Amino acid sequence: MDEKLHVSRLVPAALQHIAAMYAGVVTPPLIIGQAVGLDPGAQTRLIAASLLIAGLATLLQTLGVKGVVGNRLPFVNAASSAGIAPILAIAENSAPGHELPAVYGAVMVAGLFCLVVGPFFGRLLRFFPPLVTGVVITLIGVTLMPVPVGWAQGGDKESADFGDMRHLALAAFTLVVILCFQRFARGFFKQVALLMGLFIGTLAAVPFGLADFSALGSAPVAALPTPFASGAPEFQPAAILSLCLVMLVLMTESSAGMLALGEICERRTDGATITRGLRTDGLATLVGPVFGGFPTSAFAQNVGVVSLTRVRSRYVVAVAGGALLVLGAFPVLGAVVSLVPMPVLGGAGIVLFGSIAVSGIRTLSEAGLDDSSNIVLVAVSLGAGIIPLAAPTFYADFPAWAQTVLGSGISAGALVAVTLNLFFHHLGTRDGAHRTPGDVAALKSS
C-alpha cells in the first residue's frame, strides 16, 4: 500500500479509479440541482464543488495525518448517492428558495454527528448487520428509480414535449450502448461502459436538437467555489434527524469498505484505522456544504477496482484525488458533464440506480434469510420504504417533521429495519442465547 509506482504505471491506474467513480461523483449534484431548479451556471458550480470536495476528502484519506485523520488506505471518498432521496424530501418540504440552505444545514449537523459518534461506532456496528444495510441499500436503488424514468421522458414535467418518443428513443439507445459495451468490450472500455454510453448518447442527441451547449460557453474556465453561494445554512430538526440516520448508514458503508480493503491489501484494519477514516468522512461532510458539497462516504466501486487490478498503492488513489481536485477547480470541465441531455442521463441512470439495488440484494443474500424472523424483518422494512414511492400522498396529513423523515423511503426503511433488528435479535437476548443459526449469520458483520 505504501509503494510509489513509476509514473508509467501510476497515471493509468489512477485513471481507472477516476473512470470508475466519476459518474457516481457527479450524480448527486446533477439530481439535486435539477430537483431544486438550478440554472445551468449554478448546476455547473454544484458539480465543480462536488468534484473539489471529493478530491480533498480522497487526498486526506490516502495521505492523512498519521494517528489523527485519514485511514491511509487506497480509499476513495465522495458524495454518496445514499443521501439523494432524503435530500430531495427535505427540498420538497422547504419553502421556495430555502431548499439548499435547509439541506446544507442538515448535512453540516450530520457531519458533526459523524465526528462525535465515529470513535464509538465500532460498538454500534452490531445494530447494522447485513439485514439492515442490505435493506437500506436496496431501498436507495428502488427509491431513486423514478428519477431516471423522469429524465428519460425529458426531465421537465411542465414541458410540452415531456414523454416525447424522441426522448424515450434516445434513452433506450443510450441503454443499449451501455449494454453492448458491457457485453462485448474488454478491459478499460468495459469498466467505463457507463461513460461511453453518456458520450455516445450525447453525440446521438445533437442531430435531433436535444443537446444544449449554452452552459459550456458561459462557464468560467477556472474558479473556486463561493462559500455559501446558496445562502446561509438553515437548521430544521426533521431534516437533521433524517440525514443523521443516513449518516449512520454511510458510516457503516465506509467501515465495511475499510475492512474489505484491509483484507484485499493483506493489512489488518483495526479500530483506530476505522476511527480515523470516519473522522475524515465527518470532516468532509461538515465542511463540504460551505462550498456546495453533500454527505460523503466510501465509494464501493473503487474497492472493486483495487480487488480487480491488484494495484494496492494508496498513492495511485491519491493521484486520482488530485485529479478530481483539478477538475473541481475548473468549472468548465463540470459544464461538459452538464451538457449531457436528460434522456441520455435517463438511460444511464437505469443502470446506475439499478446496480445500487442489486448491491443491496447481494448484501441481503448474505444475511441469513433462511430464518423466518429475518424474512419478516426484511419484508416489513422494504414495505415501509416503498410506501412513499407507491403512495406519495400517504403521509400528507402527518406533521411536517414526520413527512420529512417518513416521506423518504430510505429513512423510513432504515428506521423500521433498525427497530425490528433490535426487537428480534437484541431485546431479551444475552450472550447469543435463544438465537437461531440465521440470527447468528445476520449478526456476523459485528
Protein backbone atom coordinates (compact mmCIF):
# COMPACT_ATOMS: atom_id res chain seq x y z
CA MET A 1 0.00 0.00 0.00
CA ASP A 2 2.93 2.35 0.55
CA GLU A 3 4.63 1.58 -2.79
CA LYS A 4 5.34 4.61 -5.00
CA LEU A 5 4.87 3.41 -8.56
CA HIS A 6 6.61 4.75 -11.64
CA VAL A 7 4.54 7.38 -13.47
CA SER A 8 4.01 5.00 -16.40
CA ARG A 9 2.01 2.72 -14.07
CA LEU A 10 0.75 5.36 -11.66
CA VAL A 11 -1.22 7.50 -14.14
CA PRO A 12 -3.13 4.70 -15.95
CA ALA A 13 -4.02 3.09 -12.62
CA ALA A 14 -5.29 6.44 -11.30
CA LEU A 15 -7.34 6.97 -14.49
CA GLN A 16 -9.10 3.65 -13.87
CA HIS A 17 -10.22 4.90 -10.46
CA ILE A 18 -11.47 8.18 -11.93
CA ALA A 19 -13.35 6.32 -14.67
CA ALA A 20 -14.97 4.03 -12.09
CA MET A 21 -16.12 6.83 -9.80
CA TYR A 22 -16.70 9.90 -12.00
CA ALA A 23 -20.33 9.16 -12.86
CA GLY A 24 -21.08 8.49 -9.19
CA VAL A 25 -19.47 11.76 -8.05
CA VAL A 26 -21.47 13.96 -10.42
CA THR A 27 -24.77 12.10 -9.93
CA PRO A 28 -25.81 13.73 -6.59
CA PRO A 29 -25.28 17.34 -7.77
CA LEU A 30 -26.96 16.56 -11.10
CA ILE A 31 -30.07 15.09 -9.47
CA ILE A 32 -30.34 17.59 -6.61
CA GLY A 33 -29.57 20.58 -8.85
CA GLN A 34 -32.31 19.53 -11.27
CA ALA A 35 -34.77 18.96 -8.41
CA VAL A 36 -34.33 22.43 -6.88
CA GLY A 37 -34.43 24.15 -10.29
CA LEU A 38 -30.88 25.47 -10.55
CA ASP A 39 -29.94 27.29 -13.75
CA PRO A 40 -27.10 25.83 -15.90
CA GLY A 41 -24.48 28.11 -14.30
CA ALA A 42 -25.43 27.14 -10.76
CA GLN A 43 -25.62 23.48 -11.79
CA THR A 44 -22.08 23.70 -13.14
CA ARG A 45 -20.82 25.23 -9.88
CA LEU A 46 -22.52 22.47 -7.88
CA ILE A 47 -20.79 19.77 -9.94
CA ALA A 48 -17.43 21.54 -9.57
CA ALA A 49 -17.90 21.75 -5.79
CA SER A 50 -18.71 18.02 -5.59
CA LEU A 51 -15.53 17.16 -7.52
CA LEU A 52 -13.45 19.52 -5.36
CA ILE A 53 -14.71 18.07 -2.05
CA ALA A 54 -14.24 14.51 -3.37
CA GLY A 55 -10.64 15.30 -4.29
CA LEU A 56 -9.84 16.88 -0.92
CA ALA A 57 -11.50 14.04 1.03
CA THR A 58 -9.71 11.35 -1.01
CA LEU A 59 -6.33 13.04 -0.54
CA LEU A 60 -6.96 13.34 3.20
CA GLN A 61 -7.91 9.66 3.44
CA THR A 62 -4.99 8.28 1.43
CA LEU A 63 -2.19 10.54 2.70
CA GLY A 64 -3.68 11.61 6.04
CA VAL A 65 -2.01 12.75 9.22
CA LYS A 66 -0.68 9.69 10.99
CA GLY A 67 -2.59 8.93 14.16
CA VAL A 68 -5.01 11.84 13.67
CA VAL A 69 -7.04 11.70 10.46
CA GLY A 70 -7.11 9.59 7.27
CA ASN A 71 -7.09 5.78 7.12
CA ARG A 72 -4.04 5.78 4.76
CA LEU A 73 -5.68 3.10 2.58
CA PRO A 74 -6.35 3.17 -1.20
CA PHE A 75 -9.74 4.59 -0.27
CA VAL A 76 -11.94 6.96 -2.33
CA ASN A 77 -14.32 9.39 -0.63
CA ALA A 78 -17.05 11.37 -2.40
CA ALA A 79 -20.68 12.46 -2.16
CA SER A 80 -22.81 9.35 -1.70
CA SER A 81 -25.97 8.58 -3.65
CA ALA A 82 -27.49 7.33 -0.38
CA GLY A 83 -28.22 10.91 0.62
CA ILE A 84 -30.08 11.86 -2.55
CA ALA A 85 -33.60 10.66 -1.67
CA PRO A 86 -33.68 12.18 1.86
CA ILE A 87 -32.24 15.42 0.46
CA LEU A 88 -34.97 15.53 -2.18
CA ALA A 89 -37.56 15.01 0.58
CA ILE A 90 -36.05 17.90 2.58
CA ALA A 91 -36.09 20.14 -0.51
CA GLU A 92 -39.71 19.24 -1.25
CA ASN A 93 -40.79 20.22 2.27
CA SER A 94 -38.86 23.51 2.29
CA ALA A 95 -40.11 26.92 1.22
CA PRO A 96 -39.15 28.09 -2.29
CA GLY A 97 -35.61 29.48 -2.26
CA HIS A 98 -34.79 27.75 1.04
CA GLU A 99 -34.28 24.22 -0.28
CA LEU A 100 -30.48 24.15 -0.41
CA PRO A 101 -29.96 26.16 2.84
CA ALA A 102 -32.14 23.60 4.68
CA VAL A 103 -30.23 20.74 3.06
CA TYR A 104 -26.81 22.18 3.84
CA GLY A 105 -27.72 22.88 7.46
CA ALA A 106 -28.78 19.27 7.93
CA VAL A 107 -25.66 17.97 6.15
CA MET A 108 -23.37 20.03 8.40
CA VAL A 109 -25.01 18.65 11.56
CA ALA A 110 -24.76 15.12 10.11
CA GLY A 111 -21.02 15.69 9.62
CA LEU A 112 -20.68 16.85 13.22
CA PHE A 113 -22.69 13.81 14.31
CA CYS A 114 -20.22 11.57 12.45
CA LEU A 115 -17.26 13.22 14.20
CA VAL A 116 -18.85 12.67 17.62
CA VAL A 117 -20.09 9.12 17.06
CA GLY A 118 -17.13 7.91 14.95
CA PRO A 119 -14.82 6.89 17.82
CA PHE A 120 -17.59 4.71 19.32
CA PHE A 121 -19.04 3.44 16.07
CA GLY A 122 -17.39 0.04 16.34
CA ARG A 123 -19.71 -0.70 19.27
CA LEU A 124 -22.76 0.28 17.19
CA LEU A 125 -21.94 -1.90 14.18
CA ARG A 126 -23.88 -4.80 15.68
CA PHE A 127 -27.07 -2.75 15.21
CA PHE A 128 -26.32 -2.50 11.46
CA PRO A 129 -25.84 -6.10 10.30
CA PRO A 130 -26.29 -7.09 6.62
CA LEU A 131 -30.03 -7.35 7.27
CA VAL A 132 -30.24 -3.60 7.94
CA THR A 133 -27.65 -2.32 5.49
CA GLY A 134 -29.00 -4.61 2.74
CA VAL A 135 -32.50 -3.20 3.18
CA VAL A 136 -31.20 0.39 3.10
CA ILE A 137 -29.01 -0.10 0.01
CA THR A 138 -31.83 -1.87 -1.83
CA LEU A 139 -34.20 0.99 -0.98
CA ILE A 140 -31.68 3.54 -2.23
CA GLY A 141 -31.77 1.96 -5.68
CA VAL A 142 -35.54 1.41 -5.72
CA THR A 143 -36.38 4.88 -4.34
CA LEU A 144 -34.18 6.61 -6.90
CA MET A 145 -35.58 4.73 -9.91
CA PRO A 146 -38.32 7.32 -10.67
CA VAL A 147 -35.55 9.89 -11.21
CA PRO A 148 -34.01 8.31 -14.36
CA VAL A 149 -37.51 7.46 -15.61
CA GLY A 150 -38.36 11.17 -15.48
CA TRP A 151 -35.07 12.01 -17.17
CA ALA A 152 -35.80 9.50 -19.95
CA GLN A 153 -39.06 11.36 -20.64
CA GLY A 154 -37.25 14.69 -20.97
CA GLY A 155 -36.71 15.83 -17.39
CA ASP A 156 -39.13 18.76 -17.32
CA LYS A 157 -42.68 17.64 -16.49
CA GLU A 158 -44.03 21.07 -17.40
CA SER A 159 -42.60 20.92 -20.91
CA ALA A 160 -44.95 20.26 -23.84
CA ASP A 161 -42.65 17.52 -25.18
CA PHE A 162 -42.33 15.65 -21.87
CA GLY A 163 -42.60 11.95 -22.71
CA ASP A 164 -41.99 12.56 -26.43
CA MET A 165 -40.87 9.47 -28.34
CA ARG A 166 -37.62 11.22 -29.32
CA HIS A 167 -36.66 11.37 -25.65
CA LEU A 168 -37.62 7.78 -24.97
CA ALA A 169 -35.77 6.56 -28.09
CA LEU A 170 -32.61 8.43 -27.05
CA ALA A 171 -32.80 6.96 -23.53
CA ALA A 172 -33.26 3.47 -24.97
CA PHE A 173 -30.34 3.99 -27.39
CA THR A 174 -28.07 5.05 -24.52
CA LEU A 175 -29.07 1.99 -22.50
CA VAL A 176 -28.36 -0.30 -25.47
CA VAL A 177 -24.91 1.28 -25.97
CA ILE A 178 -24.04 0.65 -22.32
CA LEU A 179 -25.24 -2.96 -22.56
CA CYS A 180 -23.21 -3.53 -25.74
CA PHE A 181 -20.02 -2.17 -24.15
CA GLN A 182 -20.67 -4.31 -21.08
CA ARG A 183 -21.18 -7.40 -23.26
CA PHE A 184 -18.55 -7.04 -25.98
CA ALA A 185 -15.85 -4.65 -24.67
CA ARG A 186 -12.82 -5.78 -22.72
CA GLY A 187 -10.57 -4.25 -20.08
CA PHE A 188 -10.72 -0.47 -19.70
CA PHE A 189 -13.63 0.06 -22.11
CA LYS A 190 -15.77 -2.44 -20.22
CA GLN A 191 -15.05 -0.61 -16.96
CA VAL A 192 -16.13 2.73 -18.47
CA ALA A 193 -19.24 1.39 -20.23
CA LEU A 194 -21.41 3.94 -18.40
CA LEU A 195 -19.25 6.87 -19.50
CA MET A 196 -19.13 5.60 -23.09
CA GLY A 197 -22.92 5.40 -23.08
CA LEU A 198 -23.16 9.02 -21.88
CA PHE A 199 -20.66 10.17 -24.52
CA ILE A 200 -22.18 8.32 -27.50
CA GLY A 201 -25.72 9.14 -26.38
CA THR A 202 -24.86 12.86 -26.24
CA LEU A 203 -23.41 12.71 -29.76
CA ALA A 204 -26.57 10.97 -30.97
CA ALA A 205 -28.70 13.76 -29.43
CA VAL A 206 -27.04 16.52 -31.49
CA PRO A 207 -28.81 15.86 -34.85
CA PHE A 208 -32.19 15.87 -33.08
CA GLY A 209 -31.56 19.20 -31.35
CA LEU A 210 -31.67 17.63 -27.90
CA ALA A 211 -28.16 18.73 -26.82
CA ASP A 212 -27.78 22.21 -25.33
CA PHE A 213 -24.22 23.59 -25.35
CA SER A 214 -25.05 27.02 -23.89
CA ALA A 215 -23.68 26.18 -20.42
CA LEU A 216 -20.23 25.49 -21.89
CA GLY A 217 -19.87 29.00 -23.28
CA SER A 218 -20.92 30.74 -20.06
CA ALA A 219 -18.92 28.62 -17.60
CA PRO A 220 -15.68 30.14 -16.23
CA VAL A 221 -12.55 28.23 -17.16
CA ALA A 222 -11.12 28.32 -13.64
CA ALA A 223 -12.77 29.36 -10.39
CA LEU A 224 -13.02 28.24 -6.78
CA PRO A 225 -16.46 27.64 -5.24
CA THR A 226 -18.00 30.60 -3.41
CA PRO A 227 -18.75 29.86 0.27
CA PHE A 228 -22.49 29.60 0.96
CA ALA A 229 -23.39 30.62 -2.60
CA SER A 230 -26.95 29.36 -2.00
CA GLY A 231 -27.40 31.27 1.26
CA ALA A 232 -26.66 30.70 4.95
CA PRO A 233 -27.48 27.19 6.21
CA GLU A 234 -30.82 26.63 7.95
CA PHE A 235 -31.24 24.05 10.69
CA GLN A 236 -34.56 22.17 10.62
CA PRO A 237 -34.91 19.39 13.25
CA ALA A 238 -36.73 16.90 10.99
CA ALA A 239 -34.21 17.39 8.17
CA ILE A 240 -31.33 16.94 10.63
CA LEU A 241 -32.82 13.71 12.02
CA SER A 242 -33.28 12.34 8.50
CA LEU A 243 -29.68 12.96 7.43
CA CYS A 244 -28.21 11.75 10.74
CA LEU A 245 -29.94 8.42 10.07
CA VAL A 246 -28.45 8.41 6.58
CA MET A 247 -25.05 9.25 8.08
CA LEU A 248 -25.21 6.11 10.23
CA VAL A 249 -25.74 4.07 7.06
CA LEU A 250 -22.85 5.86 5.34
CA MET A 251 -20.58 5.21 8.32
CA THR A 252 -21.47 1.52 8.10
CA GLU A 253 -20.69 1.60 4.39
CA SER A 254 -17.32 3.28 4.98
CA SER A 255 -16.41 0.84 7.77
CA ALA A 256 -17.25 -2.10 5.51
CA GLY A 257 -15.09 -0.58 2.74
CA MET A 258 -12.14 -0.21 5.09
CA LEU A 259 -12.49 -3.78 6.35
CA ALA A 260 -12.70 -5.04 2.76
CA LEU A 261 -9.59 -3.09 1.73
CA GLY A 262 -7.74 -4.47 4.73
CA GLU A 263 -8.49 -7.99 3.50
CA ILE A 264 -7.59 -7.18 -0.12
CA CYS A 265 -4.35 -5.43 0.84
CA GLU A 266 -3.46 -8.07 3.48
CA ARG A 267 -3.15 -5.45 6.20
CA ARG A 268 -5.48 -5.76 9.17
CA THR A 269 -7.90 -2.84 9.58
CA ASP A 270 -8.09 -2.09 13.30
CA GLY A 271 -10.45 0.14 15.27
CA ALA A 272 -8.06 3.11 15.17
CA THR A 273 -7.93 2.95 11.36
CA ILE A 274 -11.72 2.93 11.13
CA THR A 275 -11.95 5.85 13.57
CA ARG A 276 -9.51 7.95 11.50
CA GLY A 277 -11.38 7.06 8.32
CA LEU A 278 -14.75 8.03 9.77
CA ARG A 279 -13.20 11.24 11.11
CA THR A 280 -12.32 12.12 7.52
CA ASP A 281 -15.90 11.34 6.42
CA GLY A 282 -17.19 13.62 9.17
CA LEU A 283 -14.84 16.49 8.31
CA ALA A 284 -15.69 16.31 4.60
CA THR A 285 -19.43 16.20 5.37
CA LEU A 286 -19.17 19.08 7.84
CA VAL A 287 -17.04 21.38 5.66
CA GLY A 288 -18.42 20.31 2.26
CA PRO A 289 -21.71 22.28 2.48
CA VAL A 290 -19.74 25.52 2.86
CA PHE A 291 -18.78 25.14 -0.80
CA GLY A 292 -21.75 23.08 -2.04
CA GLY A 293 -20.92 19.51 -1.01
CA PHE A 294 -23.17 16.71 0.24
CA PRO A 295 -22.80 13.75 2.68
CA THR A 296 -19.51 11.97 1.99
CA SER A 297 -18.73 8.27 2.20
CA ALA A 298 -16.73 5.42 0.67
CA PHE A 299 -17.07 4.52 -3.00
CA ALA A 300 -17.53 0.76 -3.19
CA GLN A 301 -16.77 0.65 -6.91
CA ASN A 302 -13.21 1.76 -6.20
CA VAL A 303 -12.76 -1.03 -3.67
CA GLY A 304 -13.71 -3.27 -6.58
CA VAL A 305 -11.05 -1.63 -8.78
CA VAL A 306 -8.35 -2.39 -6.17
CA SER A 307 -9.55 -6.00 -5.92
CA LEU A 308 -9.71 -6.42 -9.71
CA THR A 309 -6.39 -4.80 -10.64
CA ARG A 310 -4.43 -5.84 -7.51
CA VAL A 311 -2.81 -2.38 -7.58
CA ARG A 312 -2.90 -1.59 -3.87
CA SER A 313 -0.77 1.56 -3.68
CA ARG A 314 -2.55 4.35 -1.84
CA TYR A 315 -0.54 6.84 -3.90
CA VAL A 316 -2.46 5.72 -7.01
CA VAL A 317 -5.72 6.77 -5.35
CA ALA A 318 -4.06 9.95 -4.06
CA VAL A 319 -3.24 10.90 -7.68
CA ALA A 320 -6.86 10.21 -8.59
CA GLY A 321 -7.90 12.50 -5.73
CA GLY A 322 -5.57 15.20 -7.02
CA ALA A 323 -7.11 14.88 -10.49
CA LEU A 324 -10.59 15.33 -9.01
CA LEU A 325 -9.33 18.44 -7.21
CA VAL A 326 -8.13 19.88 -10.53
CA LEU A 327 -11.44 19.03 -12.22
CA GLY A 328 -13.27 20.84 -9.43
CA ALA A 329 -11.11 23.95 -9.79
CA PHE A 330 -12.06 24.23 -13.49
CA PRO A 331 -15.86 24.62 -13.70
CA VAL A 332 -15.73 24.43 -17.49
CA LEU A 333 -14.95 20.73 -17.08
CA GLY A 334 -18.04 20.34 -14.88
CA ALA A 335 -20.03 22.15 -17.57
CA VAL A 336 -19.05 19.40 -20.01
CA VAL A 337 -20.88 16.92 -17.77
CA SER A 338 -23.96 19.17 -17.59
CA LEU A 339 -24.15 19.07 -21.40
CA VAL A 340 -25.45 15.51 -21.25
CA PRO A 341 -29.14 15.62 -22.26
CA MET A 342 -31.74 14.44 -19.76
CA PRO A 343 -32.86 11.39 -21.84
CA VAL A 344 -29.23 10.22 -22.08
CA LEU A 345 -28.88 10.52 -18.30
CA GLY A 346 -32.14 8.61 -18.00
CA GLY A 347 -30.83 5.65 -19.98
CA ALA A 348 -27.62 5.56 -17.95
CA GLY A 349 -29.50 6.12 -14.69
CA ILE A 350 -31.47 2.91 -15.16
CA VAL A 351 -28.18 1.02 -14.99
CA LEU A 352 -26.63 3.17 -12.25
CA PHE A 353 -29.51 3.09 -9.78
CA GLY A 354 -30.49 -0.44 -10.67
CA SER A 355 -26.97 -1.57 -9.78
CA ILE A 356 -27.33 0.06 -6.36
CA ALA A 357 -30.45 -2.04 -5.72
CA VAL A 358 -28.54 -5.14 -6.86
CA SER A 359 -25.79 -4.35 -4.34
CA GLY A 360 -28.43 -4.31 -1.62
CA ILE A 361 -29.89 -7.62 -2.79
CA ARG A 362 -26.39 -9.14 -2.78
CA THR A 363 -25.91 -7.93 0.80
CA LEU A 364 -29.28 -9.40 1.83
CA SER A 365 -28.29 -12.75 0.31
CA GLU A 366 -25.58 -12.99 2.98
CA ALA A 367 -27.93 -12.01 5.82
CA GLY A 368 -29.39 -15.33 6.94
CA LEU A 369 -32.71 -15.19 5.09
CA ASP A 370 -33.35 -18.87 5.87
CA ASP A 371 -34.65 -17.65 9.25
CA SER A 372 -38.35 -16.63 9.36
CA SER A 373 -37.70 -13.67 11.69
CA ASN A 374 -35.19 -12.23 9.24
CA ILE A 375 -37.62 -12.70 6.35
CA VAL A 376 -40.31 -10.76 8.25
CA LEU A 377 -37.80 -8.03 9.18
CA VAL A 378 -36.77 -7.52 5.55
CA ALA A 379 -40.35 -7.75 4.25
CA VAL A 380 -41.76 -5.14 6.65
CA SER A 381 -38.76 -2.80 6.25
CA LEU A 382 -38.94 -2.91 2.44
CA GLY A 383 -42.69 -2.39 2.62
CA ALA A 384 -42.27 0.69 4.83
CA GLY A 385 -39.62 2.04 2.46
CA ILE A 386 -41.73 1.53 -0.66
CA ILE A 387 -44.85 3.24 0.77
CA PRO A 388 -43.69 6.79 -0.17
CA LEU A 389 -42.91 5.54 -3.68
CA ALA A 390 -46.16 3.64 -4.20
CA ALA A 391 -48.40 6.22 -2.48
CA PRO A 392 -46.70 9.66 -2.45
CA THR A 393 -49.64 11.26 -0.55
CA PHE A 394 -49.76 8.58 2.17
CA TYR A 395 -48.21 10.87 4.80
CA ALA A 396 -49.91 14.07 3.59
CA ASP A 397 -51.84 14.56 6.87
CA PHE A 398 -48.86 13.83 9.11
CA PRO A 399 -46.91 16.66 10.83
CA ALA A 400 -44.20 18.29 8.71
CA TRP A 401 -41.35 16.66 10.68
CA ALA A 402 -42.89 13.20 10.16
CA GLN A 403 -43.35 13.86 6.44
CA THR A 404 -39.64 14.70 6.12
CA VAL A 405 -38.50 11.55 7.93
CA LEU A 406 -41.12 9.08 6.66
CA GLY A 407 -41.54 10.68 3.23
CA SER A 408 -38.11 9.34 2.30
CA GLY A 409 -38.29 5.60 1.70
CA ILE A 410 -34.67 5.26 2.78
CA SER A 411 -35.16 6.94 6.16
CA ALA A 412 -38.44 5.11 6.81
CA GLY A 413 -37.00 1.73 5.82
CA ALA A 414 -33.85 2.30 7.88
CA LEU A 415 -35.85 3.23 11.00
CA VAL A 416 -38.05 0.15 10.69
CA ALA A 417 -35.10 -2.16 9.94
CA VAL A 418 -33.06 -0.94 12.94
CA THR A 419 -36.10 -1.15 15.24
CA LEU A 420 -37.03 -4.68 14.13
CA ASN A 421 -33.40 -5.80 14.34
CA LEU A 422 -33.38 -4.66 17.98
CA PHE A 423 -36.72 -6.40 18.59
CA PHE A 424 -35.79 -9.74 17.04
CA HIS A 425 -32.07 -10.01 17.77
CA HIS A 426 -31.17 -7.89 20.81
CA LEU A 427 -34.07 -7.35 23.23
CA GLY A 428 -34.36 -10.24 25.65
CA THR A 429 -31.20 -11.97 24.43
CA ARG A 430 -27.92 -12.30 26.25
CA ASP A 431 -24.61 -13.67 25.03
CA GLY A 432 -26.25 -15.13 21.97
CA ALA A 433 -28.87 -17.11 23.92
CA HIS A 434 -32.06 -18.04 22.06
CA ARG A 435 -30.55 -17.12 18.69
CA THR A 436 -31.02 -19.36 15.69
CA PRO A 437 -28.26 -20.02 13.12
CA GLY A 438 -29.97 -17.46 10.91
CA ASP A 439 -29.71 -14.87 13.67
CA VAL A 440 -26.01 -15.57 14.05
CA ALA A 441 -25.49 -15.14 10.29
CA ALA A 442 -27.38 -11.85 10.41
CA LEU A 443 -25.07 -10.50 13.10
CA LYS A 444 -21.77 -11.62 11.55
CA SER A 445 -20.85 -8.09 10.47
CA SER A 446 -20.35 -7.02 14.08
